[in-house]
Amino acid sequence: MAIATRFPRKLIKQLPPGSCQRSEHPGIFQLRAGTRAVRLVVINDLRPLPHNAPWRLFSSDEAQRRLALQQYHPRSEIGVHLHNLIAHYQFGDGNMAHTFEDMQREARAWIIEHYLDQLAPEDRLKGLDPEDIFKHYAPEQRLKGLDAEERLKGLDEATIEAWLAKQRRDH
């Protein structure tokens, strides 16, 4: 595989005629160099589609780089760090993490901002201890929507009787 930002005209002229064939995808060429077959990716000629964004981040055309930066969606903390590095150094945009811990914190925040709302509730709760979740809600919120029988499940009869007796005395 060979990668170039622009089509290498001088190099292609040095090859035998017919050694460079276009593929069905713009920006992708098949080269025959001696006995070797080489796939050539010309970054500036790739279609401006999201799946080409990682390549186009390195285009020599600033407009293409900016569009690619908008289309590029990192799927890992390292990908987020790469996104921020490119944004910072090429355009003066983005957050530049100073330590690995900064990078992890910023990447998590970015992932939460861009992906958390796309997850189903059961996926968001995976791996969480119910006790930790319950700590964030008042008892009234945790019981909301439960009928009386569901609220009483798990309580022993003596506890229920004691509560009823107190209610009768107080009212």
N, C-alpha and C. Protein backbone atom coordinates (compact mmCIF):
# COMPACT_ATOMS: atom_id res chain seq x y z
N MET A 1 0.85 -1.17 0.00
CA MET A 1 0.00 0.00 0.00
C MET A 1 0.89 1.23 0.00
N ALA A 2 0.46 2.22 -0.76
CA ALA A 2 1.17 3.50 -0.79
C ALA A 2 0.13 4.59 -0.53
N ILE A 3 0.54 5.63 0.18
CA ILE A 3 -0.37 6.72 0.51
C ILE A 3 0.28 8.03 0.09
N ALA A 4 -0.51 8.88 -0.56
CA ALA A 4 -0.02 10.19 -0.99
C ALA A 4 -1.15 11.19 -0.83
N THR A 5 -0.81 12.43 -0.56
CA THR A 5 -1.84 13.45 -0.47
C THR A 5 -2.30 13.86 -1.87
N ARG A 6 -1.36 13.92 -2.82
CA ARG A 6 -1.67 14.28 -4.21
C ARG A 6 -1.27 13.13 -5.13
N PHE A 7 -1.87 13.09 -6.29
CA PHE A 7 -1.53 12.04 -7.26
C PHE A 7 -0.07 12.22 -7.70
N PRO A 8 0.75 11.16 -7.62
CA PRO A 8 2.19 11.26 -7.93
C PRO A 8 2.46 11.15 -9.44
N ARG A 9 2.21 12.22 -10.17
CA ARG A 9 2.32 12.22 -11.64
C ARG A 9 3.73 11.83 -12.13
N LYS A 10 4.75 12.42 -11.51
CA LYS A 10 6.13 12.13 -11.96
C LYS A 10 6.47 10.65 -11.76
N LEU A 11 6.05 10.09 -10.67
CA LEU A 11 6.32 8.68 -10.40
C LEU A 11 5.59 7.79 -11.41
N ILE A 12 4.33 8.10 -11.67
CA ILE A 12 3.53 7.29 -12.60
C ILE A 12 4.12 7.32 -14.00
N LYS A 13 4.68 8.48 -14.41
CA LYS A 13 5.30 8.59 -15.75
C LYS A 13 6.51 7.67 -15.89
N GLN A 14 7.13 7.30 -14.76
CA GLN A 14 8.31 6.43 -14.80
C GLN A 14 7.92 4.95 -14.92
N LEU A 15 6.65 4.64 -14.71
CA LEU A 15 6.19 3.25 -14.80
C LEU A 15 5.80 2.92 -16.23
N PRO A 16 5.81 1.65 -16.59
CA PRO A 16 5.37 1.26 -17.94
C PRO A 16 3.90 1.66 -18.16
N PRO A 17 3.52 1.97 -19.40
CA PRO A 17 2.13 2.33 -19.69
C PRO A 17 1.17 1.25 -19.20
N GLY A 18 0.06 1.68 -18.64
CA GLY A 18 -0.96 0.76 -18.13
C GLY A 18 -0.67 0.23 -16.73
N SER A 19 0.42 0.69 -16.12
CA SER A 19 0.76 0.21 -14.77
C SER A 19 -0.11 0.79 -13.68
N CYS A 20 -0.80 1.87 -14.00
CA CYS A 20 -1.66 2.53 -13.01
C CYS A 20 -3.10 2.45 -13.48
N GLN A 21 -3.92 1.77 -12.69
CA GLN A 21 -5.34 1.61 -13.03
C GLN A 21 -6.20 2.24 -11.94
N ARG A 22 -7.20 3.01 -12.38
CA ARG A 22 -8.17 3.55 -11.42
C ARG A 22 -9.05 2.42 -10.91
N SER A 23 -9.48 2.52 -9.67
CA SER A 23 -10.46 1.56 -9.16
C SER A 23 -11.84 2.19 -9.28
N GLU A 24 -12.86 1.50 -8.84
CA GLU A 24 -14.21 2.05 -8.88
C GLU A 24 -14.42 3.12 -7.81
N HIS A 25 -13.45 3.27 -6.91
CA HIS A 25 -13.54 4.26 -5.84
C HIS A 25 -12.58 5.41 -6.10
N PRO A 26 -13.09 6.65 -6.16
CA PRO A 26 -12.20 7.80 -6.37
C PRO A 26 -11.10 7.85 -5.31
N GLY A 27 -9.89 8.11 -5.74
CA GLY A 27 -8.76 8.23 -4.83
C GLY A 27 -8.03 6.92 -4.59
N ILE A 28 -8.52 5.82 -5.15
CA ILE A 28 -7.88 4.51 -4.98
C ILE A 28 -7.41 4.02 -6.35
N PHE A 29 -6.13 3.66 -6.44
CA PHE A 29 -5.53 3.21 -7.69
C PHE A 29 -4.80 1.89 -7.46
N GLN A 30 -4.71 1.10 -8.51
CA GLN A 30 -3.92 -0.14 -8.49
C GLN A 30 -2.67 0.11 -9.33
N LEU A 31 -1.52 -0.09 -8.73
CA LEU A 31 -0.25 0.10 -9.45
C LEU A 31 0.42 -1.25 -9.63
N ARG A 32 1.13 -1.39 -10.72
CA ARG A 32 1.96 -2.57 -10.95
C ARG A 32 3.37 -2.03 -11.02
N ALA A 33 4.18 -2.37 -10.04
CA ALA A 33 5.57 -1.92 -9.99
C ALA A 33 6.44 -3.17 -10.03
N GLY A 34 6.93 -3.50 -11.22
CA GLY A 34 7.68 -4.74 -11.38
C GLY A 34 6.72 -5.92 -11.20
N THR A 35 7.04 -6.79 -10.26
CA THR A 35 6.17 -7.94 -10.01
C THR A 35 5.19 -7.68 -8.87
N ARG A 36 5.28 -6.50 -8.30
CA ARG A 36 4.43 -6.19 -7.14
C ARG A 36 3.19 -5.40 -7.54
N ALA A 37 2.07 -5.75 -6.87
CA ALA A 37 0.85 -4.96 -7.00
C ALA A 37 0.78 -4.07 -5.77
N VAL A 38 0.55 -2.78 -6.02
CA VAL A 38 0.50 -1.80 -4.93
C VAL A 38 -0.81 -1.04 -5.03
N ARG A 39 -1.51 -0.92 -3.92
CA ARG A 39 -2.71 -0.08 -3.87
C ARG A 39 -2.27 1.31 -3.44
N LEU A 40 -2.64 2.30 -4.23
CA LEU A 40 -2.29 3.69 -3.97
C LEU A 40 -3.54 4.42 -3.48
N VAL A 41 -3.44 5.05 -2.33
CA VAL A 41 -4.52 5.87 -1.79
C VAL A 41 -4.09 7.32 -1.93
N VAL A 42 -4.86 8.09 -2.70
CA VAL A 42 -4.59 9.52 -2.89
C VAL A 42 -5.60 10.27 -2.02
N ILE A 43 -5.14 10.74 -0.89
CA ILE A 43 -6.02 11.31 0.14
C ILE A 43 -6.87 12.46 -0.39
N ASN A 44 -6.28 13.39 -1.15
CA ASN A 44 -7.03 14.55 -1.64
C ASN A 44 -8.16 14.16 -2.60
N ASP A 45 -8.08 12.96 -3.20
CA ASP A 45 -9.08 12.54 -4.18
C ASP A 45 -10.18 11.66 -3.59
N LEU A 46 -10.08 11.32 -2.32
CA LEU A 46 -11.10 10.47 -1.70
C LEU A 46 -12.43 11.22 -1.58
N ARG A 47 -13.51 10.49 -1.68
CA ARG A 47 -14.84 11.11 -1.50
C ARG A 47 -14.95 11.63 -0.07
N PRO A 48 -15.65 12.76 0.12
CA PRO A 48 -15.81 13.32 1.47
C PRO A 48 -16.91 12.59 2.25
N LEU A 49 -16.70 11.30 2.48
CA LEU A 49 -17.66 10.48 3.22
C LEU A 49 -17.11 10.18 4.61
N PRO A 50 -17.99 9.97 5.59
CA PRO A 50 -17.51 9.73 6.96
C PRO A 50 -16.51 8.59 7.10
N HIS A 51 -16.68 7.51 6.33
CA HIS A 51 -15.74 6.39 6.48
C HIS A 51 -14.34 6.73 5.93
N ASN A 52 -14.23 7.80 5.14
CA ASN A 52 -12.92 8.25 4.66
C ASN A 52 -12.31 9.33 5.56
N ALA A 53 -13.06 9.77 6.55
CA ALA A 53 -12.60 10.87 7.41
C ALA A 53 -11.22 10.62 8.04
N PRO A 54 -10.94 9.42 8.56
CA PRO A 54 -9.59 9.24 9.16
C PRO A 54 -8.46 9.52 8.17
N TRP A 55 -8.62 9.11 6.91
CA TRP A 55 -7.61 9.41 5.88
C TRP A 55 -7.55 10.90 5.61
N ARG A 56 -8.73 11.50 5.41
CA ARG A 56 -8.81 12.89 4.98
C ARG A 56 -8.36 13.87 6.06
N LEU A 57 -8.19 13.40 7.29
CA LEU A 57 -7.61 14.26 8.33
C LEU A 57 -6.21 14.72 7.94
N PHE A 58 -5.58 13.97 7.03
CA PHE A 58 -4.21 14.28 6.61
C PHE A 58 -4.14 14.85 5.20
N SER A 59 -5.26 15.35 4.70
CA SER A 59 -5.30 15.96 3.38
C SER A 59 -4.44 17.23 3.38
N SER A 60 -3.95 17.60 2.19
CA SER A 60 -3.20 18.86 2.08
C SER A 60 -4.15 20.05 1.91
N ASP A 61 -5.43 19.77 1.76
CA ASP A 61 -6.44 20.81 1.59
C ASP A 61 -7.13 21.08 2.93
N GLU A 62 -7.02 22.32 3.42
CA GLU A 62 -7.56 22.66 4.75
C GLU A 62 -9.07 22.44 4.84
N ALA A 63 -9.80 22.77 3.78
CA ALA A 63 -11.26 22.58 3.81
C ALA A 63 -11.61 21.10 3.98
N GLN A 64 -10.85 20.24 3.31
CA GLN A 64 -11.07 18.79 3.46
C GLN A 64 -10.74 18.33 4.88
N ARG A 65 -9.64 18.86 5.43
CA ARG A 65 -9.26 18.48 6.80
C ARG A 65 -10.34 18.90 7.79
N ARG A 66 -10.86 20.12 7.62
CA ARG A 66 -11.91 20.59 8.54
C ARG A 66 -13.17 19.73 8.44
N LEU A 67 -13.59 19.41 7.22
CA LEU A 67 -14.76 18.56 7.05
C LEU A 67 -14.50 17.17 7.65
N ALA A 68 -13.33 16.64 7.41
CA ALA A 68 -12.98 15.32 7.96
C ALA A 68 -13.00 15.35 9.49
N LEU A 69 -12.53 16.44 10.07
CA LEU A 69 -12.51 16.57 11.52
C LEU A 69 -13.94 16.56 12.07
N GLN A 70 -14.87 17.17 11.34
CA GLN A 70 -16.28 17.15 11.77
C GLN A 70 -16.87 15.76 11.60
N GLN A 71 -16.46 15.03 10.57
CA GLN A 71 -17.02 13.71 10.29
C GLN A 71 -16.38 12.60 11.12
N TYR A 72 -15.18 12.83 11.59
CA TYR A 72 -14.44 11.78 12.32
C TYR A 72 -15.05 11.60 13.69
N HIS A 73 -15.47 10.38 14.00
CA HIS A 73 -16.07 10.06 15.30
C HIS A 73 -15.22 9.00 16.00
N PRO A 74 -14.36 9.44 16.90
CA PRO A 74 -13.52 8.50 17.62
C PRO A 74 -14.36 7.51 18.41
N ARG A 75 -13.88 6.30 18.53
CA ARG A 75 -14.60 5.27 19.26
C ARG A 75 -13.80 4.75 20.45
N SER A 76 -12.76 5.48 20.80
CA SER A 76 -11.94 5.09 21.95
C SER A 76 -11.33 6.35 22.55
N GLU A 77 -10.78 6.21 23.74
CA GLU A 77 -10.13 7.35 24.39
C GLU A 77 -8.93 7.83 23.57
N ILE A 78 -8.18 6.90 23.02
CA ILE A 78 -7.02 7.27 22.20
C ILE A 78 -7.49 7.99 20.94
N GLY A 79 -8.60 7.54 20.34
CA GLY A 79 -9.16 8.21 19.17
C GLY A 79 -9.57 9.64 19.48
N VAL A 80 -10.15 9.84 20.67
CA VAL A 80 -10.52 11.19 21.08
C VAL A 80 -9.27 12.04 21.24
N HIS A 81 -8.22 11.48 21.81
CA HIS A 81 -6.97 12.21 21.98
C HIS A 81 -6.40 12.58 20.61
N LEU A 82 -6.42 11.64 19.66
CA LEU A 82 -5.94 11.93 18.30
C LEU A 82 -6.77 13.06 17.68
N HIS A 83 -8.08 12.99 17.84
CA HIS A 83 -8.98 14.04 17.32
C HIS A 83 -8.58 15.39 17.90
N ASN A 84 -8.36 15.45 19.20
CA ASN A 84 -8.00 16.71 19.86
C ASN A 84 -6.62 17.20 19.41
N LEU A 85 -5.67 16.28 19.25
CA LEU A 85 -4.33 16.68 18.78
C LEU A 85 -4.41 17.31 17.39
N ILE A 86 -5.13 16.65 16.49
CA ILE A 86 -5.24 17.17 15.12
C ILE A 86 -5.93 18.52 15.13
N ALA A 87 -7.03 18.63 15.87
CA ALA A 87 -7.76 19.90 15.94
C ALA A 87 -6.87 21.00 16.49
N HIS A 88 -6.11 20.67 17.53
CA HIS A 88 -5.26 21.67 18.17
C HIS A 88 -4.12 22.13 17.26
N TYR A 89 -3.39 21.18 16.68
CA TYR A 89 -2.21 21.54 15.91
C TYR A 89 -2.52 22.07 14.52
N GLN A 90 -3.60 21.60 13.90
CA GLN A 90 -3.90 22.06 12.54
C GLN A 90 -4.73 23.33 12.52
N PHE A 91 -5.64 23.47 13.51
CA PHE A 91 -6.58 24.57 13.43
C PHE A 91 -6.60 25.45 14.68
N GLY A 92 -5.84 25.07 15.69
CA GLY A 92 -5.88 25.84 16.93
C GLY A 92 -7.16 25.60 17.71
N ASP A 93 -7.93 24.57 17.31
CA ASP A 93 -9.17 24.22 17.99
C ASP A 93 -8.91 23.04 18.91
N GLY A 94 -9.92 22.67 19.65
CA GLY A 94 -9.85 21.46 20.46
C GLY A 94 -9.09 21.66 21.75
N ASN A 95 -9.23 20.71 22.61
CA ASN A 95 -8.56 20.74 23.91
C ASN A 95 -7.29 19.92 23.82
N MET A 96 -6.24 20.46 24.34
CA MET A 96 -4.98 19.75 24.32
C MET A 96 -4.71 19.22 25.72
N ALA A 97 -4.76 17.91 25.89
CA ALA A 97 -4.51 17.30 27.19
C ALA A 97 -3.01 17.41 27.50
N HIS A 98 -2.69 17.70 28.76
CA HIS A 98 -1.30 17.85 29.15
C HIS A 98 -0.74 16.59 29.79
N THR A 99 -1.62 15.77 30.36
CA THR A 99 -1.18 14.51 30.96
C THR A 99 -2.10 13.41 30.46
N PHE A 100 -1.68 12.17 30.69
CA PHE A 100 -2.51 11.03 30.30
C PHE A 100 -3.84 11.07 31.04
N GLU A 101 -3.81 11.47 32.30
CA GLU A 101 -5.04 11.57 33.10
C GLU A 101 -5.98 12.63 32.52
N ASP A 102 -5.40 13.78 32.07
CA ASP A 102 -6.21 14.81 31.40
C ASP A 102 -6.85 14.25 30.15
N MET A 103 -6.06 13.52 29.38
CA MET A 103 -6.56 12.94 28.14
C MET A 103 -7.72 11.98 28.44
N GLN A 104 -7.58 11.13 29.45
CA GLN A 104 -8.64 10.18 29.79
C GLN A 104 -9.91 10.92 30.24
N ARG A 105 -9.73 11.93 31.09
CA ARG A 105 -10.88 12.69 31.59
C ARG A 105 -11.60 13.39 30.45
N GLU A 106 -10.84 14.04 29.56
CA GLU A 106 -11.44 14.76 28.44
C GLU A 106 -12.09 13.79 27.45
N ALA A 107 -11.47 12.64 27.23
CA ALA A 107 -12.04 11.65 26.32
C ALA A 107 -13.35 11.11 26.87
N ARG A 108 -13.38 10.81 28.16
CA ARG A 108 -14.63 10.33 28.77
C ARG A 108 -15.73 11.38 28.64
N ALA A 109 -15.40 12.63 28.91
CA ALA A 109 -16.39 13.70 28.80
C ALA A 109 -16.89 13.81 27.37
N TRP A 110 -15.98 13.68 26.39
CA TRP A 110 -16.38 13.76 24.99
C TRP A 110 -17.30 12.60 24.62
N ILE A 111 -16.95 11.40 25.05
CA ILE A 111 -17.77 10.22 24.76
C ILE A 111 -19.15 10.37 25.39
N ILE A 112 -19.21 10.84 26.63
CA ILE A 112 -20.50 11.04 27.30
C ILE A 112 -21.33 12.06 26.54
N GLU A 113 -20.70 13.15 26.13
CA GLU A 113 -21.42 14.21 25.41
C GLU A 113 -21.95 13.74 24.05
N HIS A 114 -21.17 12.91 23.35
CA HIS A 114 -21.54 12.55 21.99
C HIS A 114 -22.22 11.19 21.84
N TYR A 115 -22.09 10.30 22.82
CA TYR A 115 -22.62 8.95 22.63
C TYR A 115 -23.59 8.46 23.71
N LEU A 116 -23.54 9.02 24.90
CA LEU A 116 -24.34 8.48 26.00
C LEU A 116 -25.83 8.48 25.68
N ASP A 117 -26.32 9.54 25.07
CA ASP A 117 -27.76 9.61 24.78
C ASP A 117 -28.20 8.61 23.71
N GLN A 118 -27.26 8.00 23.01
CA GLN A 118 -27.59 7.01 21.98
C GLN A 118 -27.71 5.60 22.54
N LEU A 119 -27.28 5.41 23.79
CA LEU A 119 -27.33 4.08 24.40
C LEU A 119 -28.69 3.82 25.01
N ALA A 120 -29.14 2.57 24.92
CA ALA A 120 -30.37 2.15 25.57
C ALA A 120 -30.14 2.17 27.09
N PRO A 121 -31.18 2.43 27.88
CA PRO A 121 -31.01 2.49 29.34
C PRO A 121 -30.31 1.26 29.93
N GLU A 122 -30.66 0.06 29.44
CA GLU A 122 -30.02 -1.14 29.99
C GLU A 122 -28.52 -1.18 29.68
N ASP A 123 -28.11 -0.61 28.54
CA ASP A 123 -26.68 -0.55 28.23
C ASP A 123 -25.96 0.47 29.11
N ARG A 124 -26.64 1.57 29.42
CA ARG A 124 -26.05 2.60 30.27
C ARG A 124 -25.84 2.09 31.69
N LEU A 125 -26.67 1.14 32.12
CA LEU A 125 -26.62 0.65 33.50
C LEU A 125 -25.71 -0.57 33.67
N LYS A 126 -25.25 -1.15 32.55
CA LYS A 126 -24.40 -2.35 32.63
C LYS A 126 -23.19 -2.10 33.52
N GLY A 127 -22.94 -3.04 34.41
CA GLY A 127 -21.77 -2.98 35.27
C GLY A 127 -21.93 -2.12 36.50
N LEU A 128 -23.07 -1.43 36.64
CA LEU A 128 -23.27 -0.58 37.81
C LEU A 128 -23.94 -1.37 38.93
N ASP A 129 -23.52 -1.12 40.14
CA ASP A 129 -24.11 -1.74 41.32
C ASP A 129 -25.42 -1.02 41.64
N PRO A 130 -26.54 -1.76 41.75
CA PRO A 130 -27.82 -1.11 42.06
C PRO A 130 -27.76 -0.22 43.30
N GLU A 131 -26.99 -0.63 44.30
CA GLU A 131 -26.88 0.17 45.52
C GLU A 131 -26.30 1.56 45.21
N ASP A 132 -25.32 1.61 44.31
CA ASP A 132 -24.74 2.90 43.93
C ASP A 132 -25.77 3.76 43.19
N ILE A 133 -26.59 3.13 42.37
CA ILE A 133 -27.62 3.86 41.64
C ILE A 133 -28.66 4.41 42.61
N PHE A 134 -29.11 3.56 43.56
CA PHE A 134 -30.16 3.96 44.50
C PHE A 134 -29.74 5.15 45.36
N LYS A 135 -28.45 5.28 45.64
CA LYS A 135 -27.96 6.38 46.47
C LYS A 135 -28.29 7.75 45.87
N HIS A 136 -28.50 7.78 44.56
CA HIS A 136 -28.74 9.05 43.87
C HIS A 136 -30.22 9.45 43.84
N TYR A 137 -31.08 8.61 44.41
CA TYR A 137 -32.51 8.87 44.36
C TYR A 137 -33.10 8.81 45.76
N ALA A 138 -34.01 9.74 46.05
CA ALA A 138 -34.74 9.75 47.32
C ALA A 138 -35.67 8.53 47.35
N PRO A 139 -36.01 8.04 48.54
CA PRO A 139 -36.90 6.88 48.64
C PRO A 139 -38.21 7.07 47.86
N GLU A 140 -38.75 8.27 47.88
CA GLU A 140 -40.00 8.52 47.15
C GLU A 140 -39.82 8.29 45.65
N GLN A 141 -38.66 8.70 45.12
CA GLN A 141 -38.39 8.51 43.70
C GLN A 141 -38.22 7.03 43.36
N ARG A 142 -37.57 6.27 44.27
CA ARG A 142 -37.34 4.85 44.03
C ARG A 142 -38.65 4.06 44.06
N LEU A 143 -39.62 4.51 44.86
CA LEU A 143 -40.88 3.79 45.00
C LEU A 143 -41.95 4.24 44.02
N LYS A 144 -41.71 5.36 43.36
CA LYS A 144 -42.69 5.92 42.43
C LYS A 144 -43.05 4.88 41.37
N GLY A 145 -44.36 4.72 41.14
CA GLY A 145 -44.83 3.78 40.12
C GLY A 145 -45.08 2.38 40.63
N LEU A 146 -44.69 2.08 41.87
CA LEU A 146 -44.94 0.75 42.44
C LEU A 146 -46.28 0.76 43.16
N ASP A 147 -47.05 -0.31 42.99
CA ASP A 147 -48.30 -0.38 43.75
C ASP A 147 -47.99 -0.85 45.17
N ALA A 148 -49.00 -0.80 46.03
CA ALA A 148 -48.80 -1.08 47.46
C ALA A 148 -48.22 -2.47 47.69
N GLU A 149 -48.70 -3.45 46.97
CA GLU A 149 -48.20 -4.82 47.16
C GLU A 149 -46.71 -4.93 46.81
N GLU A 150 -46.29 -4.27 45.73
CA GLU A 150 -44.87 -4.29 45.35
C GLU A 150 -44.01 -3.57 46.39
N ARG A 151 -44.54 -2.52 47.00
CA ARG A 151 -43.81 -1.79 48.04
C ARG A 151 -43.58 -2.64 49.28
N LEU A 152 -44.53 -3.51 49.57
CA LEU A 152 -44.45 -4.31 50.80
C LEU A 152 -43.64 -5.59 50.62
N LYS A 153 -43.37 -6.00 49.38
CA LYS A 153 -42.58 -7.21 49.15
C LYS A 153 -41.22 -7.08 49.84
N GLY A 154 -40.82 -8.14 50.47
CA GLY A 154 -39.52 -8.14 51.13
C GLY A 154 -39.57 -7.72 52.58
N LEU A 155 -40.68 -7.12 53.00
CA LEU A 155 -40.82 -6.76 54.41
C LEU A 155 -41.46 -7.92 55.15
N ASP A 156 -40.97 -8.18 56.37
CA ASP A 156 -41.61 -9.26 57.13
C ASP A 156 -42.91 -8.76 57.74
N GLU A 157 -43.77 -9.68 58.07
CA GLU A 157 -45.11 -9.35 58.57
C GLU A 157 -45.07 -8.51 59.84
N ALA A 158 -44.11 -8.78 60.72
CA ALA A 158 -44.01 -8.04 61.99
C ALA A 158 -43.71 -6.56 61.73
N THR A 159 -42.85 -6.26 60.77
CA THR A 159 -42.52 -4.88 60.43
C THR A 159 -43.75 -4.15 59.90
N ILE A 160 -44.51 -4.82 59.04
CA ILE A 160 -45.72 -4.22 58.48
C ILE A 160 -46.74 -3.97 59.59
N GLU A 161 -46.94 -4.97 60.48
CA GLU A 161 -47.90 -4.83 61.59
C GLU A 161 -47.49 -3.69 62.52
N ALA A 162 -46.20 -3.57 62.81
CA ALA A 162 -45.72 -2.50 63.69
C ALA A 162 -45.97 -1.13 63.05
N TRP A 163 -45.74 -1.01 61.77
CA TRP A 163 -45.97 0.27 61.08
C TRP A 163 -47.46 0.61 61.08
N LEU A 164 -48.31 -0.38 60.82
CA LEU A 164 -49.77 -0.15 60.83
C LEU A 164 -50.25 0.27 62.22
N ALA A 165 -49.73 -0.39 63.25
CA ALA A 165 -50.12 -0.05 64.63
C ALA A 165 -49.72 1.39 64.95
N LYS A 166 -48.52 1.80 64.53
CA LYS A 166 -48.08 3.18 64.78
C LYS A 166 -48.97 4.16 64.03
N GLN A 167 -49.31 3.84 62.80
CA GLN A 167 -50.19 4.74 62.02
C GLN A 167 -51.55 4.89 62.68
N ARG A 168 -52.10 3.80 63.23
CA ARG A 168 -53.40 3.87 63.89
C ARG A 168 -53.35 4.73 65.14
N ARG A 169 -52.23 4.63 65.89
CA ARG A 169 -52.07 5.42 67.10
C ARG A 169 -51.92 6.90 66.78
N ASP A 170 -51.15 7.20 65.74
CA ASP A 170 -50.83 8.60 65.42
C ASP A 170 -52.00 9.32 64.72
N HIS A 171 -52.96 8.59 64.19
CA HIS A 171 -54.03 9.25 63.43
C HIS A 171 -55.33 9.05 64.10
